[in-house]
Amino acid sequence: MSLVVEDLSIEIDGARVVDRVGFDVPAGARVGIIGESGSGKSLTALAIMGLLPDGATAHGSIRWEGRELIGLSERERAPIRGREMAMIFQEPQTALNPIRRVGPQMVEAARIHRGVRGRPAARLATQLARDVGLPSPETVVAAYPHQLSGGQRQRVGIAAALAGRPSLIVADEPTTALDVTVQKGILDLLAGLVDDRDASLLFITHDLAVLAQIATHALVLDRGSIVESGEVDRLLSVPEHPVTRGLLRDAKATLWRPGGTS
């Protein structure tokens, strides 16, 4: 399945914060959106998922497998979100219900969209925990979110996104709050799971060094507009726009800082 975004603009209380953005995510592709804080990248992801905050409106076109998503009601969106496309959030601690055990939350999409309940749901939760590399899966699924580390909670978030077997995964800065070692493990895991399931990935980040590990193509956003796009290798080697060059300088500083990935 493919995602096509054309002339997407987003306004919040009358102010335009994303301006005529366009790109596509073909089936099986890994595409990144990169930009500094406030560039509009996360709002673009939320618009695709139909999760814009109150006061924000989207205009233009977002087509999923030929179907226009802008203008759909929440009821019309429900069969798509979780089953055909799913989102991994930046901080799973805020996305997970603190008073519910992890296991049922991991399989929520499977319960809603595939009717998986009871013992099959419990078995699926354990299998998903195993798939995303969580230690002692049986123990983890019985735990509460606060009993897990940040890296473990992020793996739970990835498992929850995979439960509905989506064709597109939208990952919004899923490694920002993690240290470099845990970050690399999450990126490797996500890349492998996407490939194994023949899914597409839209990865949102402010870090070009992170993007280079997960995506093949990317668009650079600045103040709501695309300023550059292309293959990630090209953006790393010959960036054309000052914003991209600044992101590259930041990435190099991270790579060579003590404790970095080099």
Protein backbone atom coordinates (compact mmCIF):
# COMPACT_ATOMS: atom_id res chain seq x y z
CA MET A 1 0.00 0.00 0.00
CA SER A 2 1.22 3.54 -0.69
CA LEU A 3 0.79 6.94 0.94
CA VAL A 4 0.63 10.09 -1.20
CA VAL A 5 0.62 13.56 0.37
CA GLU A 6 -0.02 16.58 -1.87
CA ASP A 7 -0.23 20.29 -1.02
CA LEU A 8 -0.73 19.54 2.67
CA SER A 9 -1.20 22.68 4.74
CA ILE A 10 -1.99 22.78 8.44
CA GLU A 11 -3.37 25.77 10.31
CA ILE A 12 -3.63 26.28 14.06
CA ASP A 13 -6.04 29.01 15.13
CA GLY A 14 -5.72 30.60 11.71
CA ALA A 15 -1.91 30.55 11.55
CA ARG A 16 -0.36 28.33 8.86
CA VAL A 17 2.29 26.07 10.41
CA VAL A 18 2.72 23.59 7.52
CA ASP A 19 2.67 24.98 4.00
CA ARG A 20 1.92 22.91 0.88
CA VAL A 21 4.00 19.86 1.80
CA GLY A 22 4.06 16.96 -0.63
CA PHE A 23 5.76 13.55 -0.68
CA ASP A 24 4.96 9.87 -1.07
CA VAL A 25 5.80 6.67 0.77
CA PRO A 26 5.66 3.74 -1.66
CA ALA A 27 4.96 0.22 -0.47
CA GLY A 28 7.96 -1.16 1.39
CA ALA A 29 9.84 2.18 1.46
CA ARG A 30 11.55 3.84 4.43
CA VAL A 31 11.12 7.62 4.20
CA GLY A 32 12.19 10.22 6.75
CA ILE A 33 10.99 13.69 7.64
CA ILE A 34 13.69 15.71 9.37
CA GLY A 35 13.74 19.20 10.79
CA GLU A 36 14.38 21.23 13.87
CA SER A 37 11.84 21.65 16.64
CA GLY A 38 8.84 23.59 15.36
CA SER A 39 9.46 22.73 11.71
CA GLY A 40 6.09 21.01 11.37
CA LYS A 41 7.31 17.44 11.03
CA SER A 42 5.31 15.97 13.92
CA LEU A 43 2.17 17.86 12.89
CA THR A 44 2.54 16.36 9.43
CA ALA A 45 2.66 12.89 10.97
CA LEU A 46 -0.35 13.60 13.17
CA ALA A 47 -2.31 14.86 10.16
CA ILE A 48 -1.62 11.60 8.34
CA MET A 49 -2.91 9.64 11.33
CA GLY A 50 -5.91 11.93 11.84
CA LEU A 51 -4.68 12.92 15.30
CA LEU A 52 -4.22 16.68 14.98
CA PRO A 53 -4.80 18.59 18.23
CA ASP A 54 -7.90 20.70 18.81
CA GLY A 55 -7.74 23.95 16.88
CA ALA A 56 -5.62 22.48 14.08
CA THR A 57 -7.05 21.85 10.61
CA ALA A 58 -5.51 20.17 7.56
CA HIS A 59 -6.06 21.11 3.92
CA GLY A 60 -4.82 19.55 0.71
CA SER A 61 -4.69 15.82 0.10
CA ILE A 62 -3.55 12.74 2.02
CA ARG A 63 -4.33 9.59 0.05
CA TRP A 64 -3.87 6.12 1.43
CA GLU A 65 -4.09 3.44 -1.25
CA GLY A 66 -6.02 5.92 -3.37
CA ARG A 67 -8.50 6.86 -0.64
CA GLU A 68 -8.64 10.48 0.50
CA LEU A 69 -8.16 10.75 4.28
CA ILE A 70 -8.66 14.47 4.81
CA GLY A 71 -12.28 15.05 5.68
CA LEU A 72 -12.99 11.56 6.97
CA SER A 73 -14.96 11.34 10.18
CA GLU A 74 -13.49 9.62 13.22
CA ARG A 75 -15.82 6.70 12.57
CA GLU A 76 -14.52 6.40 9.00
CA ARG A 77 -10.92 6.66 10.22
CA ALA A 78 -11.27 3.98 12.88
CA PRO A 79 -10.95 0.93 10.60
CA ILE A 80 -7.75 2.39 9.06
CA ARG A 81 -5.88 3.57 12.14
CA GLY A 82 -4.24 0.65 13.92
CA ARG A 83 -5.06 -1.90 11.25
CA GLU A 84 -3.67 -0.34 8.07
CA MET A 85 -1.45 2.36 9.57
CA ALA A 86 -0.11 2.73 13.10
CA MET A 87 1.96 5.25 15.02
CA ILE A 88 4.87 4.93 17.43
CA PHE A 89 5.08 7.95 19.71
CA GLN A 90 8.13 9.80 21.00
CA GLU A 91 7.50 9.07 24.68
CA PRO A 92 5.55 5.85 25.26
CA GLN A 93 5.16 6.68 28.94
CA THR A 94 2.55 9.28 27.93
CA ALA A 95 0.96 6.98 25.33
CA LEU A 96 0.56 4.04 27.71
CA ASN A 97 -2.14 3.90 30.37
CA PRO A 98 -0.29 3.84 33.72
CA ILE A 99 -3.00 1.84 35.51
CA ARG A 100 -3.28 -0.97 32.94
CA ARG A 101 -0.86 -3.84 32.55
CA VAL A 102 1.37 -3.75 29.51
CA GLY A 103 0.11 -6.93 27.82
CA PRO A 104 -3.49 -5.84 27.14
CA GLN A 105 -2.26 -2.48 25.86
CA MET A 106 0.13 -4.17 23.43
CA VAL A 107 -2.68 -6.14 21.78
CA GLU A 108 -5.35 -3.41 21.76
CA ALA A 109 -5.22 -3.02 17.97
CA ALA A 110 -5.49 -6.79 17.49
CA ARG A 111 -8.50 -6.87 19.82
CA ILE A 112 -10.27 -4.04 18.00
CA HIS A 113 -9.44 -4.93 14.41
CA ARG A 114 -8.93 -8.70 14.47
CA GLY A 115 -11.18 -9.77 17.33
CA VAL A 116 -8.31 -11.35 19.30
CA ARG A 117 -9.39 -11.84 22.92
CA GLY A 118 -8.85 -14.04 25.95
CA ARG A 119 -6.05 -16.60 25.85
CA PRO A 120 -5.16 -15.91 22.18
CA ALA A 121 -4.67 -12.25 23.12
CA ALA A 122 -2.43 -13.24 26.04
CA ARG A 123 -0.38 -15.49 23.78
CA LEU A 124 -0.11 -12.74 21.16
CA ALA A 125 1.11 -10.24 23.77
CA THR A 126 3.83 -12.65 24.87
CA GLN A 127 4.84 -13.32 21.27
CA LEU A 128 4.97 -9.59 20.45
CA ALA A 129 7.11 -8.98 23.54
CA ARG A 130 9.43 -11.72 22.33
CA ASP A 131 9.46 -10.30 18.77
CA VAL A 132 10.62 -6.89 19.97
CA GLY A 133 13.35 -8.35 22.14
CA LEU A 134 11.90 -7.74 25.59
CA PRO A 135 13.53 -9.88 28.29
CA SER A 136 11.29 -12.33 30.17
CA PRO A 137 8.23 -11.66 27.96
CA GLU A 138 5.80 -13.35 30.37
CA THR A 139 6.94 -11.02 33.14
CA VAL A 140 6.88 -7.90 30.99
CA VAL A 141 3.31 -8.34 29.76
CA ALA A 142 2.13 -8.57 33.38
CA ALA A 143 3.99 -5.41 34.39
CA TYR A 144 2.78 -1.81 34.57
CA PRO A 145 4.48 0.85 32.40
CA HIS A 146 6.29 2.47 35.34
CA GLN A 147 7.98 -0.84 36.11
CA LEU A 148 9.81 -0.82 32.75
CA SER A 149 12.80 1.18 31.55
CA GLY A 150 12.53 3.81 28.83
CA GLY A 151 13.95 1.44 26.24
CA GLN A 152 11.57 -1.32 27.29
CA ARG A 153 8.57 1.02 27.10
CA GLN A 154 9.61 2.03 23.60
CA ARG A 155 9.74 -1.63 22.59
CA VAL A 156 6.24 -2.01 24.04
CA GLY A 157 5.15 0.93 21.87
CA ILE A 158 6.62 -0.75 18.79
CA ALA A 159 4.89 -4.02 19.69
CA ALA A 160 1.56 -2.22 20.10
CA ALA A 161 1.97 -0.61 16.69
CA LEU A 162 2.68 -4.00 15.09
CA ALA A 163 -0.23 -5.80 16.74
CA GLY A 164 -2.74 -4.79 14.08
CA ARG A 165 -0.36 -5.86 11.27
CA PRO A 166 -0.31 -2.39 9.64
CA SER A 167 1.09 -1.74 6.19
CA LEU A 168 2.45 1.69 7.23
CA ILE A 169 4.20 2.58 10.48
CA VAL A 170 4.62 6.25 11.39
CA ALA A 171 7.38 6.66 13.99
CA ASP A 172 7.52 10.10 15.61
CA GLU A 173 10.97 10.63 17.19
CA PRO A 174 10.86 7.18 18.85
CA THR A 175 14.48 7.27 20.07
CA THR A 176 14.84 10.87 21.28
CA ALA A 177 14.64 10.13 25.01
CA LEU A 178 17.00 7.13 24.86
CA ASP A 179 20.75 6.87 25.31
CA VAL A 180 22.87 6.09 22.24
CA THR A 181 23.28 2.36 22.91
CA VAL A 182 19.56 1.77 23.51
CA GLN A 183 18.77 4.05 20.57
CA LYS A 184 20.75 1.92 18.13
CA GLY A 185 19.06 -1.22 19.39
CA ILE A 186 15.63 0.31 18.82
CA LEU A 187 16.56 1.48 15.30
CA ASP A 188 17.95 -1.94 14.34
CA LEU A 189 14.87 -3.61 15.77
CA LEU A 190 12.46 -1.30 13.94
CA ALA A 191 14.26 -1.67 10.62
CA GLY A 192 14.26 -5.46 10.92
CA LEU A 193 10.60 -5.67 11.90
CA VAL A 194 9.53 -3.38 9.05
CA ASP A 195 11.47 -5.47 6.54
CA ASP A 196 10.21 -8.78 7.95
CA ARG A 197 6.60 -7.63 7.63
CA ASP A 198 7.09 -5.91 4.25
CA ALA A 199 5.69 -2.70 5.75
CA SER A 200 6.43 0.92 4.89
CA LEU A 201 7.98 3.34 7.38
CA LEU A 202 7.65 7.09 7.80
CA PHE A 203 10.27 8.12 10.35
CA ILE A 204 10.20 11.56 12.01
CA THR A 205 13.37 12.96 13.59
CA HIS A 206 15.49 16.05 14.17
CA ASP A 207 18.73 14.01 14.01
CA LEU A 208 20.34 13.32 10.63
CA ALA A 209 22.67 10.73 12.19
CA VAL A 210 19.63 8.77 13.38
CA LEU A 211 17.88 9.15 10.04
CA ALA A 212 20.90 7.71 8.21
CA GLN A 213 20.48 4.47 10.17
CA ILE A 214 16.83 3.88 9.29
CA ALA A 215 15.69 5.68 6.10
CA THR A 216 16.77 5.71 2.47
CA HIS A 217 14.98 8.90 1.37
CA ALA A 218 14.03 12.03 3.29
CA LEU A 219 12.57 15.50 3.11
CA VAL A 220 13.89 18.39 5.16
CA LEU A 221 11.32 20.73 6.73
CA ASP A 222 11.95 24.27 7.89
CA ARG A 223 9.18 26.47 9.28
CA GLY A 224 6.55 24.26 7.72
CA SER A 225 7.98 24.02 4.21
CA ILE A 226 10.12 21.47 2.39
CA VAL A 227 13.53 23.03 1.71
CA GLU A 228 15.31 19.94 0.38
CA SER A 229 14.61 16.28 -0.34
CA GLY A 230 16.34 13.26 -1.80
CA GLU A 231 18.32 10.17 -0.90
CA VAL A 232 19.69 10.24 2.64
CA ASP A 233 23.19 9.38 1.39
CA ARG A 234 23.11 12.46 -0.84
CA LEU A 235 21.87 14.69 1.99
CA LEU A 236 24.77 13.45 4.10
CA SER A 237 27.42 13.94 1.43
CA VAL A 238 26.32 17.06 -0.49
CA PRO A 239 23.60 18.93 1.40
CA GLU A 240 22.39 21.92 -0.59
CA HIS A 241 20.25 23.97 1.80
CA PRO A 242 21.67 25.81 4.84
CA VAL A 243 19.17 24.04 7.12
CA THR A 244 20.35 20.63 5.90
CA ARG A 245 23.98 21.66 6.35
CA GLY A 246 23.18 22.73 9.90
CA LEU A 247 21.54 19.37 10.63
CA LEU A 248 24.63 17.65 9.21
CA ARG A 249 26.93 19.67 11.50
CA ASP A 250 24.78 18.68 14.47
CA ALA A 251 24.90 15.03 13.39
CA LYS A 252 28.70 15.07 13.10
CA ALA A 253 29.00 16.68 16.52
CA THR A 254 26.85 13.89 17.99
CA LEU A 255 28.81 11.16 16.24
CA TRP A 256 32.17 12.39 17.53
CA ARG A 257 31.06 13.37 21.03
CA PRO A 258 32.26 10.98 23.78
CA GLY A 259 29.61 8.32 24.09
CA GLY A 260 28.44 8.89 20.50
CA THR A 261 28.03 6.18 17.88
CA SER A 262 31.52 6.42 16.37
